[in-house]
């Protein structure tokens, strides 16, 4: 995967056109999941890598049944 192609475009095999509203309000700069608490309390952590989970989700969305 090229570093310039976002993961979701690569996984879904689509190319999205972007139009940025530079005067629009900006939300948070980014979102991250900190799994420290759930790991310490439940002794559990996700076993599916992000890219694989995204691929499975795309397949699920595309499957009409």
PDB file of N, CA and C in Angstrom:
ATOM      1  N   UNK A   1       0.843  -1.178   0.000  1.00  0.00           N
ATOM      2  CA  UNK A   1       0.000   0.000   0.000  1.00  0.00           C
ATOM      3  C   UNK A   1       0.881   1.231   0.000  1.00  0.00           C
ATOM      4  N   UNK A   2       0.533   2.176  -0.814  1.00  0.00           N
ATOM      5  CA  UNK A   2       1.252   3.441  -0.848  1.00  0.00           C
ATOM      6  C   UNK A   2       0.941   4.239   0.413  1.00  0.00           C
ATOM      7  N   UNK A   3       1.935   4.931   0.933  1.00  0.00           N
ATOM      8  CA  UNK A   3       1.744   5.729   2.141  1.00  0.00           C
ATOM      9  C   UNK A   3       0.736   6.846   1.915  1.00  0.00           C
ATOM     10  N   UNK A   4       0.534   7.243   0.663  1.00  0.00           N
ATOM     11  CA  UNK A   4      -0.386   8.347   0.384  1.00  0.00           C
ATOM     12  C   UNK A   4      -1.840   7.889   0.247  1.00  0.00           C
ATOM     13  N   UNK A   5      -2.091   6.608   0.205  1.00  0.00           N
ATOM     14  CA  UNK A   5      -3.456   6.099   0.082  1.00  0.00           C
ATOM     15  C   UNK A   5      -3.950   5.689   1.472  1.00  0.00           C
ATOM     16  N   UNK A   6      -5.008   6.340   1.963  1.00  0.00           N
ATOM     17  CA  UNK A   6      -5.548   5.956   3.268  1.00  0.00           C
ATOM     18  C   UNK A   6      -5.983   4.491   3.290  1.00  0.00           C
ATOM     19  N   UNK A   7      -5.925   3.892   4.461  1.00  0.00           N
ATOM     20  CA  UNK A   7      -6.249   2.465   4.622  1.00  0.00           C
ATOM     21  C   UNK A   7      -7.599   2.087   4.043  1.00  0.00           C
ATOM     22  N   UNK A   8      -8.620   2.864   4.356  1.00  0.00           N
ATOM     23  CA  UNK A   8      -9.960   2.472   3.923  1.00  0.00           C
ATOM     24  C   UNK A   8     -10.079   2.456   2.399  1.00  0.00           C
ATOM     25  N   UNK A   9      -9.432   3.390   1.712  1.00  0.00           N
ATOM     26  CA  UNK A   9      -9.454   3.380   0.242  1.00  0.00           C
ATOM     27  C   UNK A   9      -8.743   2.140  -0.287  1.00  0.00           C
ATOM     28  N   UNK A  10      -7.640   1.800   0.313  1.00  0.00           N
ATOM     29  CA  UNK A  10      -6.881   0.637  -0.128  1.00  0.00           C
ATOM     30  C   UNK A  10      -7.675  -0.650   0.101  1.00  0.00           C
ATOM     31  N   UNK A  11      -8.270  -0.782   1.272  1.00  0.00           N
ATOM     32  CA  UNK A  11      -9.016  -1.991   1.608  1.00  0.00           C
ATOM     33  C   UNK A  11     -10.266  -2.126   0.750  1.00  0.00           C
ATOM     34  N   UNK A  12     -11.019  -1.025   0.601  1.00  0.00           N
ATOM     35  CA  UNK A  12     -12.264  -1.058  -0.171  1.00  0.00           C
ATOM     36  C   UNK A  12     -12.026  -0.965  -1.674  1.00  0.00           C
ATOM     37  N   UNK A  13     -10.780  -0.730  -2.060  1.00  0.00           N
ATOM     38  CA  UNK A  13     -10.392  -0.601  -3.465  1.00  0.00           C
ATOM     39  C   UNK A  13     -11.227   0.472  -4.170  1.00  0.00           C
ATOM     40  N   UNK A  14     -11.262   1.651  -3.534  1.00  0.00           N
ATOM     41  CA  UNK A  14     -11.952   2.804  -4.103  1.00  0.00           C
ATOM     42  C   UNK A  14     -11.017   4.002  -4.034  1.00  0.00           C
ATOM     43  N   UNK A  15     -11.310   5.006  -4.826  1.00  0.00           N
ATOM     44  CA  UNK A  15     -10.577   6.265  -4.771  1.00  0.00           C
ATOM     45  C   UNK A  15     -11.603   7.348  -4.489  1.00  0.00           C
ATOM     46  N   UNK A  16     -11.441   8.039  -3.381  1.00  0.00           N
ATOM     47  CA  UNK A  16     -12.381   9.073  -2.987  1.00  0.00           C
ATOM     48  C   UNK A  16     -11.855  10.442  -3.373  1.00  0.00           C
ATOM     49  N   UNK A  17     -12.773  11.301  -3.800  1.00  0.00           N
ATOM     50  CA  UNK A  17     -12.407  12.680  -4.085  1.00  0.00           C
ATOM     51  C   UNK A  17     -12.603  13.477  -2.805  1.00  0.00           C
ATOM     52  N   UNK A  18     -11.634  14.295  -2.461  1.00  0.00           N
ATOM     53  CA  UNK A  18     -11.714  15.082  -1.242  1.00  0.00           C
ATOM     54  C   UNK A  18     -11.893  16.556  -1.586  1.00  0.00           C
ATOM     55  N   UNK A  19     -12.795  17.186  -0.846  1.00  0.00           N
ATOM     56  CA  UNK A  19     -12.970  18.633  -0.929  1.00  0.00           C
ATOM     57  C   UNK A  19     -12.988  19.137   0.504  1.00  0.00           C
ATOM     58  N   UNK A  20     -12.002  19.907   0.841  1.00  0.00           N
ATOM     59  CA  UNK A  20     -11.853  20.380   2.204  1.00  0.00           C
ATOM     60  C   UNK A  20     -12.447  21.770   2.356  1.00  0.00           C
ATOM     61  N   UNK A  21     -13.265  21.951   3.403  1.00  0.00           N
ATOM     62  CA  UNK A  21     -13.809  23.256   3.747  1.00  0.00           C
ATOM     63  C   UNK A  21     -12.881  23.901   4.766  1.00  0.00           C
ATOM     64  N   UNK A  22     -11.945  24.689   4.286  1.00  0.00           N
ATOM     65  CA  UNK A  22     -10.926  25.241   5.170  1.00  0.00           C
ATOM     66  C   UNK A  22     -11.477  26.223   6.194  1.00  0.00           C
ATOM     67  N   UNK A  23     -12.693  26.723   5.963  1.00  0.00           N
ATOM     68  CA  UNK A  23     -13.292  27.634   6.937  1.00  0.00           C
ATOM     69  C   UNK A  23     -14.269  26.912   7.870  1.00  0.00           C
ATOM     70  N   UNK A  24     -14.490  25.640   7.649  1.00  0.00           N
ATOM     71  CA  UNK A  24     -15.406  24.865   8.493  1.00  0.00           C
ATOM     72  C   UNK A  24     -14.769  24.617   9.867  1.00  0.00           C
ATOM     73  N   UNK A  25     -15.605  24.420  10.887  1.00  0.00           N
ATOM     74  CA  UNK A  25     -15.052  24.116  12.210  1.00  0.00           C
ATOM     75  C   UNK A  25     -14.240  22.825  12.167  1.00  0.00           C
ATOM     76  N   UNK A  26     -13.168  22.793  12.927  1.00  0.00           N
ATOM     77  CA  UNK A  26     -12.326  21.587  12.992  1.00  0.00           C
ATOM     78  C   UNK A  26     -12.677  20.814  14.247  1.00  0.00           C
ATOM     79  N   UNK A  27     -12.821  19.543  14.103  1.00  0.00           N
ATOM     80  CA  UNK A  27     -13.033  18.677  15.260  1.00  0.00           C
ATOM     81  C   UNK A  27     -11.694  18.370  15.897  1.00  0.00           C
ATOM     82  N   UNK A  28     -11.646  17.286  16.631  1.00  0.00           N
ATOM     83  CA  UNK A  28     -10.384  16.886  17.232  1.00  0.00           C
ATOM     84  C   UNK A  28      -9.395  16.534  16.129  1.00  0.00           C
ATOM     85  N   UNK A  29      -8.128  16.715  16.395  1.00  0.00           N
ATOM     86  CA  UNK A  29      -7.099  16.449  15.387  1.00  0.00           C
ATOM     87  C   UNK A  29      -6.997  14.955  15.074  1.00  0.00           C
ATOM     88  N   UNK A  30      -7.345  14.111  16.001  1.00  0.00           N
ATOM     89  CA  UNK A  30      -7.292  12.673  15.784  1.00  0.00           C
ATOM     90  C   UNK A  30      -7.948  11.945  16.936  1.00  0.00           C
ATOM     91  N   UNK A  31      -8.248  10.708  16.730  1.00  0.00           N
ATOM     92  CA  UNK A  31      -8.840   9.884  17.792  1.00  0.00           C
ATOM     93  C   UNK A  31      -8.026   8.612  17.904  1.00  0.00           C
ATOM     94  N   UNK A  32      -7.745   8.241  19.108  1.00  0.00           N
ATOM     95  CA  UNK A  32      -7.003   7.008  19.366  1.00  0.00           C
ATOM     96  C   UNK A  32      -7.734   6.195  20.419  1.00  0.00           C
ATOM     97  N   UNK A  33      -7.553   4.922  20.380  1.00  0.00           N
ATOM     98  CA  UNK A  33      -8.124   4.043  21.388  1.00  0.00           C
ATOM     99  C   UNK A  33      -7.022   3.645  22.364  1.00  0.00           C
ATOM    100  N   UNK A  34      -7.219   3.996  23.632  1.00  0.00           N
ATOM    101  CA  UNK A  34      -6.283   3.580  24.666  1.00  0.00           C
ATOM    102  C   UNK A  34      -6.913   2.408  25.393  1.00  0.00           C
ATOM    103  N   UNK A  35      -6.409   1.218  25.140  1.00  0.00           N
ATOM    104  CA  UNK A  35      -6.989  -0.001  25.707  1.00  0.00           C
ATOM    105  C   UNK A  35      -6.337  -0.412  27.020  1.00  0.00           C
ATOM    106  N   UNK A  36      -5.582   0.488  27.643  1.00  0.00           N
ATOM    107  CA  UNK A  36      -4.870   0.165  28.868  1.00  0.00           C
ATOM    108  C   UNK A  36      -5.817  -0.286  29.968  1.00  0.00           C
ATOM    109  N   UNK A  37      -6.907   0.440  30.198  1.00  0.00           N
ATOM    110  CA  UNK A  37      -7.831   0.125  31.281  1.00  0.00           C
ATOM    111  C   UNK A  37      -8.498  -1.230  31.077  1.00  0.00           C
ATOM    112  N   UNK A  38      -9.050  -1.465  29.891  1.00  0.00           N
ATOM    113  CA  UNK A  38      -9.723  -2.744  29.646  1.00  0.00           C
ATOM    114  C   UNK A  38      -8.736  -3.908  29.745  1.00  0.00           C
ATOM    115  N   UNK A  39      -7.516  -3.679  29.287  1.00  0.00           N
ATOM    116  CA  UNK A  39      -6.496  -4.730  29.371  1.00  0.00           C
ATOM    117  C   UNK A  39      -6.144  -5.026  30.823  1.00  0.00           C
ATOM    118  N   UNK A  40      -6.027  -3.987  31.655  1.00  0.00           N
ATOM    119  CA  UNK A  40      -5.643  -4.206  33.052  1.00  0.00           C
ATOM    120  C   UNK A  40      -6.775  -4.826  33.871  1.00  0.00           C
ATOM    121  N   UNK A  41      -8.029  -4.464  33.586  1.00  0.00           N
ATOM    122  CA  UNK A  41      -9.148  -4.984  34.368  1.00  0.00           C
ATOM    123  C   UNK A  41      -9.596  -6.360  33.886  1.00  0.00           C
ATOM    124  N   UNK A  42      -9.786  -6.489  32.591  1.00  0.00           N
ATOM    125  CA  UNK A  42     -10.303  -7.747  32.038  1.00  0.00           C
ATOM    126  C   UNK A  42      -9.213  -8.705  31.569  1.00  0.00           C
ATOM    127  N   UNK A  43      -7.989  -8.209  31.544  1.00  0.00           N
ATOM    128  CA  UNK A  43      -6.875  -9.008  31.013  1.00  0.00           C
ATOM    129  C   UNK A  43      -7.206  -9.467  29.579  1.00  0.00           C
ATOM    130  N   UNK A  44      -7.716  -8.515  28.811  1.00  0.00           N
ATOM    131  CA  UNK A  44      -8.127  -8.777  27.437  1.00  0.00           C
ATOM    132  C   UNK A  44      -7.611  -7.666  26.543  1.00  0.00           C
ATOM    133  N   UNK A  45      -7.266  -8.018  25.326  1.00  0.00           N
ATOM    134  CA  UNK A  45      -6.926  -7.030  24.308  1.00  0.00           C
ATOM    135  C   UNK A  45      -7.374  -7.563  22.954  1.00  0.00           C
ATOM    136  N   UNK A  46      -7.667  -6.679  22.010  1.00  0.00           N
ATOM    137  CA  UNK A  46      -8.135  -7.124  20.696  1.00  0.00           C
ATOM    138  C   UNK A  46      -7.111  -8.051  20.035  1.00  0.00           C
ATOM    139  N   UNK A  47      -7.622  -9.084  19.400  1.00  0.00           N
ATOM    140  CA  UNK A  47      -6.728 -10.027  18.714  1.00  0.00           C
ATOM    141  C   UNK A  47      -6.721  -9.806  17.202  1.00  0.00           C
ATOM    142  N   UNK A  48      -7.642  -8.997  16.707  1.00  0.00           N
ATOM    143  CA  UNK A  48      -7.725  -8.725  15.278  1.00  0.00           C
ATOM    144  C   UNK A  48      -7.019  -7.408  14.976  1.00  0.00           C
ATOM    145  N   UNK A  49      -6.023  -7.440  14.108  1.00  0.00           N
ATOM    146  CA  UNK A  49      -5.355  -6.190  13.729  1.00  0.00           C
ATOM    147  C   UNK A  49      -6.337  -5.232  13.045  1.00  0.00           C
ATOM    148  N   UNK A  50      -6.116  -3.934  13.192  1.00  0.00           N
ATOM    149  CA  UNK A  50      -7.003  -2.914  12.642  1.00  0.00           C
ATOM    150  C   UNK A  50      -7.281  -3.135  11.162  1.00  0.00           C
ATOM    151  N   UNK A  51      -6.248  -3.320  10.373  1.00  0.00           N
ATOM    152  CA  UNK A  51      -6.421  -3.485   8.922  1.00  0.00           C
ATOM    153  C   UNK A  51      -7.309  -4.682   8.602  1.00  0.00           C
ATOM    154  N   UNK A  52      -7.119  -5.800   9.299  1.00  0.00           N
ATOM    155  CA  UNK A  52      -7.929  -6.994   9.062  1.00  0.00           C
ATOM    156  C   UNK A  52      -9.378  -6.750   9.471  1.00  0.00           C
ATOM    157  N   UNK A  53      -9.604  -6.084  10.593  1.00  0.00           N
ATOM    158  CA  UNK A  53     -10.961  -5.757  11.028  1.00  0.00           C
ATOM    159  C   UNK A  53     -11.653  -4.839  10.045  1.00  0.00           C
ATOM    160  N   UNK A  54     -10.919  -3.869   9.509  1.00  0.00           N
ATOM    161  CA  UNK A  54     -11.497  -2.971   8.512  1.00  0.00           C
ATOM    162  C   UNK A  54     -11.849  -3.735   7.240  1.00  0.00           C
ATOM    163  N   UNK A  55     -10.999  -4.664   6.832  1.00  0.00           N
ATOM    164  CA  UNK A  55     -11.274  -5.469   5.632  1.00  0.00           C
ATOM    165  C   UNK A  55     -12.537  -6.294   5.838  1.00  0.00           C
ATOM    166  N   UNK A  56     -12.658  -6.927   7.000  1.00  0.00           N
ATOM    167  CA  UNK A  56     -13.837  -7.748   7.306  1.00  0.00           C
ATOM    168  C   UNK A  56     -15.100  -6.887   7.349  1.00  0.00           C
ATOM    169  N   UNK A  57     -14.993  -5.679   7.896  1.00  0.00           N
ATOM    170  CA  UNK A  57     -16.141  -4.775   7.947  1.00  0.00           C
ATOM    171  C   UNK A  57     -16.570  -4.359   6.548  1.00  0.00           C
ATOM    172  N   UNK A  58     -15.617  -4.043   5.669  1.00  0.00           N
ATOM    173  CA  UNK A  58     -15.952  -3.683   4.280  1.00  0.00           C
ATOM    174  C   UNK A  58     -16.667  -4.833   3.586  1.00  0.00           C
ATOM    175  N   UNK A  59     -16.178  -6.048   3.779  1.00  0.00           N
ATOM    176  CA  UNK A  59     -16.831  -7.215   3.161  1.00  0.00           C
ATOM    177  C   UNK A  59     -18.249  -7.380   3.689  1.00  0.00           C
ATOM    178  N   UNK A  60     -18.433  -7.169   4.994  1.00  0.00           N
ATOM    179  CA  UNK A  60     -19.765  -7.293   5.604  1.00  0.00           C
ATOM    180  C   UNK A  60     -20.713  -6.246   5.040  1.00  0.00           C
ATOM    181  N   UNK A  61     -20.237  -5.002   4.869  1.00  0.00           N
ATOM    182  CA  UNK A  61     -21.066  -3.931   4.340  1.00  0.00           C
ATOM    183  C   UNK A  61     -21.480  -4.225   2.895  1.00  0.00           C
ATOM    184  N   UNK A  62     -20.577  -4.778   2.108  1.00  0.00           N
ATOM    185  CA  UNK A  62     -20.847  -5.039   0.699  1.00  0.00           C
ATOM    186  C   UNK A  62     -21.737  -6.269   0.472  1.00  0.00           C
ATOM    187  N   UNK A  63     -21.832  -7.160   1.444  1.00  0.00           N
ATOM    188  CA  UNK A  63     -22.609  -8.386   1.312  1.00  0.00           C
ATOM    189  C   UNK A  63     -24.092  -8.092   1.572  1.00  0.00           C
ATOM    190  N   UNK A  64     -24.949  -8.224   0.546  1.00  0.00           N
ATOM    191  CA  UNK A  64     -26.361  -7.889   0.747  1.00  0.00           C
ATOM    192  C   UNK A  64     -27.107  -8.890   1.639  1.00  0.00           C
ATOM    193  N   UNK A  65     -26.540 -10.057   1.875  1.00  0.00           N
ATOM    194  CA  UNK A  65     -27.215 -11.062   2.700  1.00  0.00           C
ATOM    195  C   UNK A  65     -26.278 -11.569   3.700  1.00  0.00           C
TER     196      UNK A  65
END
